[in-house]
Protein backbone atom coordinates (compact mmCIF):
# COMPACT_ATOMS: atom_id res chain seq x y z
CA MET A 1 -10.64 6.56 25.88
CA SER A 2 -7.95 7.17 23.56
CA MET A 3 -6.72 10.43 24.08
CA PRO A 4 -4.15 12.86 22.27
CA ASN A 5 -0.79 12.70 23.36
CA THR A 6 -0.75 16.59 24.71
CA GLY A 7 2.26 16.44 27.11
CA PRO A 8 4.53 19.25 27.61
CA SER A 9 7.17 16.77 25.74
CA ARG A 10 10.59 17.06 26.91
CA VAL A 11 11.98 17.89 23.09
CA SER A 12 10.12 21.10 23.09
CA LEU A 13 11.24 22.37 26.61
CA VAL A 14 14.81 21.54 25.72
CA SER A 15 14.73 23.20 22.20
CA THR A 16 12.76 26.27 23.60
CA GLY A 17 15.43 26.81 26.20
CA ALA A 18 18.18 26.43 23.74
CA ARG A 19 16.64 29.55 22.05
CA ILE A 20 17.17 31.60 24.92
CA SER A 21 19.99 30.43 25.79
CA THR A 22 19.43 28.71 28.52
CA ALA A 23 22.53 25.48 29.60
CA ARG A 24 19.89 23.48 30.99
CA ALA A 25 16.39 24.41 30.10
CA GLY A 26 13.37 22.44 30.60
CA ARG A 27 15.11 21.01 33.49
CA PRO A 28 14.04 20.35 36.99
CA ARG A 29 15.60 23.97 37.93
CA HIS A 30 13.16 25.89 36.44
CA SER A 31 10.03 23.43 37.71
CA ALA A 32 9.35 25.24 41.22
CA THR A 33 9.60 28.95 39.41
CA ALA A 34 6.92 29.72 38.55
CA ALA A 35 7.00 33.10 37.62
CA TRP A 36 4.54 35.09 34.46
CA LYS A 37 6.24 38.00 33.93
CA ASN A 38 6.93 37.96 29.92
CA GLY A 39 3.18 38.27 28.62
CA LEU A 40 4.04 35.03 26.39
CA THR A 41 0.09 34.18 25.25
CA ASP A 42 -0.89 30.51 25.17
CA CYS A 43 -0.58 29.44 21.47
CA SER A 44 -1.07 26.27 22.52
CA MET A 45 -4.69 25.64 21.04
CA ALA A 46 -5.92 25.90 24.36
CA GLY A 47 -9.49 27.41 23.22
CA SER A 48 -9.77 25.07 20.20
CA GLY A 49 -13.03 23.50 22.13
CA GLY A 50 -11.14 19.60 21.63
CA TYR A 51 -8.58 17.59 23.71
CA ASP A 52 -5.49 18.69 20.89
CA SER A 53 -3.05 20.92 22.08
CA SER A 54 -0.29 22.11 19.46
CA LEU A 55 3.24 23.34 21.42
CA SER A 56 4.54 24.58 17.81
CA GLY A 57 2.35 28.92 18.15
CA LEU A 58 3.77 28.76 21.61
CA LYS A 59 7.20 27.60 20.88
CA THR A 60 7.22 30.74 17.83
CA ALA A 61 5.22 33.16 20.67
CA VAL A 62 8.63 32.17 22.36
CA LEU A 63 10.89 32.93 19.43
CA ARG A 64 9.03 36.24 18.36
CA HIS A 65 9.39 37.46 22.16
CA VAL A 66 13.32 36.70 22.43
CA LYS A 67 14.13 38.91 19.23
CA ALA A 68 11.83 41.80 20.16
CA GLU A 69 13.27 41.62 23.62
CA ARG A 70 17.25 41.52 21.78
CA ALA A 71 16.07 44.30 19.47
CA ALA A 72 14.94 46.42 21.78
CA GLY A 73 18.45 45.99 24.03
CA ARG A 74 16.32 44.01 26.78
CA ALA A 75 17.66 41.63 28.70
CA ILE A 76 16.03 38.37 28.89
CA ASP A 77 15.87 36.45 32.69
CA PRO A 78 16.20 32.55 31.26
CA ALA A 79 14.52 30.87 34.23
CA ASP A 80 11.69 33.41 33.74
CA LEU A 81 10.59 32.67 30.23
CA ALA A 82 11.11 29.42 30.59
CA ALA A 83 8.94 29.22 33.59
CA SER A 84 6.92 30.97 31.97
CA PHE A 85 6.53 28.69 29.26
CA GLN A 86 6.34 26.31 31.31
CA GLU A 87 3.21 27.19 32.70
CA ALA A 88 1.88 28.13 29.31
CA ILE A 89 2.04 24.06 28.47
CA VAL A 90 1.03 23.15 32.17
CA ASP A 91 -2.22 25.51 32.08
CA VAL A 92 -3.59 24.02 28.83
CA GLN A 93 -2.36 20.11 29.49
CA VAL A 94 -4.05 20.65 33.34
CA SER A 95 -7.80 22.40 31.80
CA LYS A 96 -8.24 19.90 28.51
CA THR A 97 -7.19 16.78 30.84
CA ILE A 98 -9.45 17.67 33.16
CA ALA A 99 -12.37 18.83 30.74
CA ALA A 100 -11.81 15.68 28.94
CA ALA A 101 -11.89 13.28 32.01
CA LYS A 102 -15.73 15.25 32.97
CA GLU A 103 -16.96 15.03 29.59
CA LYS A 104 -15.97 11.25 29.50
CA GLY A 105 -17.60 10.74 32.82
CA VAL A 106 -14.44 9.16 34.42
CA ASP A 107 -13.58 9.27 37.79
CA THR A 108 -9.55 8.39 37.82
CA VAL A 109 -7.15 10.44 35.95
CA LEU A 110 -3.89 8.22 34.79
CA LEU A 111 -0.46 10.15 33.78
CA GLY A 112 2.50 9.00 32.10
CA GLY A 113 6.14 9.38 30.31
CA GLY A 114 8.61 11.19 31.29
CA VAL A 115 7.09 14.25 31.10
CA VAL A 116 5.26 13.90 34.47
CA ALA A 117 8.15 14.14 35.94
CA ASN A 118 7.47 17.74 36.50
CA SER A 119 6.80 18.53 39.55
CA ARG A 120 4.71 21.74 37.86
CA LEU A 121 2.47 19.14 36.20
CA ARG A 122 2.20 17.11 38.97
CA GLU A 123 1.30 20.03 41.48
CA ARG A 124 -1.61 21.27 39.09
CA MET A 125 -3.06 18.48 37.94
CA GLU A 126 -3.77 17.20 41.66
CA GLY A 127 -4.81 20.12 42.69
CA ALA A 128 -7.39 20.87 39.32
CA GLY A 129 -8.30 17.55 40.04
CA SER A 130 -9.21 17.57 43.44
CA GLN A 131 -11.47 20.80 42.62
CA ALA A 132 -13.59 18.33 40.25
CA GLY A 133 -13.91 15.55 41.95
CA LEU A 134 -11.22 13.38 40.12
CA ARG A 135 -8.95 11.34 41.39
CA VAL A 136 -4.97 12.17 39.53
CA LEU A 137 -2.83 9.13 39.85
CA PHE A 138 1.11 9.23 38.08
CA PRO A 139 3.65 6.73 38.62
CA THR A 140 6.93 7.47 41.40
CA LEU A 141 9.49 9.83 39.63
CA GLU A 142 11.51 6.38 39.13
CA LEU A 143 9.05 5.15 36.38
CA CYS A 144 8.45 8.40 34.38
CA THR A 145 10.36 6.64 31.59
CA ASP A 146 10.17 8.26 28.24
CA ASN A 147 7.33 7.18 25.89
CA GLY A 148 9.67 4.61 23.90
CA ALA A 149 10.01 2.99 27.59
CA MET A 150 6.17 1.98 27.09
CA ILE A 151 6.37 1.26 23.56
CA ALA A 152 8.64 -1.51 23.97
CA ALA A 153 6.77 -2.73 27.68
CA ALA A 154 4.35 -3.10 24.71
CA GLY A 155 6.23 -5.07 22.42
CA ALA A 156 7.34 -7.19 24.59
CA THR A 157 3.89 -8.29 25.67
CA ARG A 158 2.68 -8.47 22.31
CA LEU A 159 5.84 -11.03 21.82
CA ALA A 160 5.27 -13.09 24.62
CA ARG A 161 1.77 -13.75 23.30
CA GLY A 162 3.71 -14.70 19.88
CA GLU A 163 2.25 -12.31 18.01
CA ARG A 164 5.20 -10.75 15.08
CA THR A 165 5.31 -8.21 12.43
CA GLY A 166 6.91 -7.91 9.01
CA LEU A 167 10.07 -5.60 8.72
CA ASP A 168 8.00 -3.89 6.07
CA VAL A 169 5.02 -2.84 8.49
CA GLY A 170 4.39 1.23 8.02
CA ALA A 171 4.24 4.04 10.80
CA ASP A 172 0.50 4.58 11.65
CA PRO A 173 0.15 7.10 14.76
CA GLY A 174 -3.06 5.69 15.47
CA LEU A 175 -2.32 2.38 15.95
CA GLU A 176 -4.15 1.27 19.34
CA LEU A 177 -2.27 -0.57 22.11
CA ARG A 178 -3.83 -3.55 23.20
């Protein structure tokens, strides 16, 4: 089953953190904070009916919220805002993943990539998976690597089989890994 890459990317967490002026936004110190005080609406295609999601709308909502709060002379709690942003992302990832697993009739969900180091994503996915009767698996923290490492591993496997690709190859974001 091919699933879109819908995880809350580290780039999104860090770039949004920069907008709210936190020195280390998106890093583990915010993982434990689960406040939802800012009233940020989920703009990441939660109700789209499909499995795709987009962080663009949510990042824009954060930017607008920060601008509005600053214009009104109100202080922004960066940790709270970062936690709210994280929670909105996790909400969508969990709900869409569980819905996809149920619709496709699978009984195990395997998570991968650097984002799987996020403790809140792990906690919520385990809980929702258990409630849905699904087994949820993810690697140990030291094996939660960047997607680039996974692509390199796939490339090494193909190289070991003797496959070669010329330097003139075009990019294909939908290319299947075999």
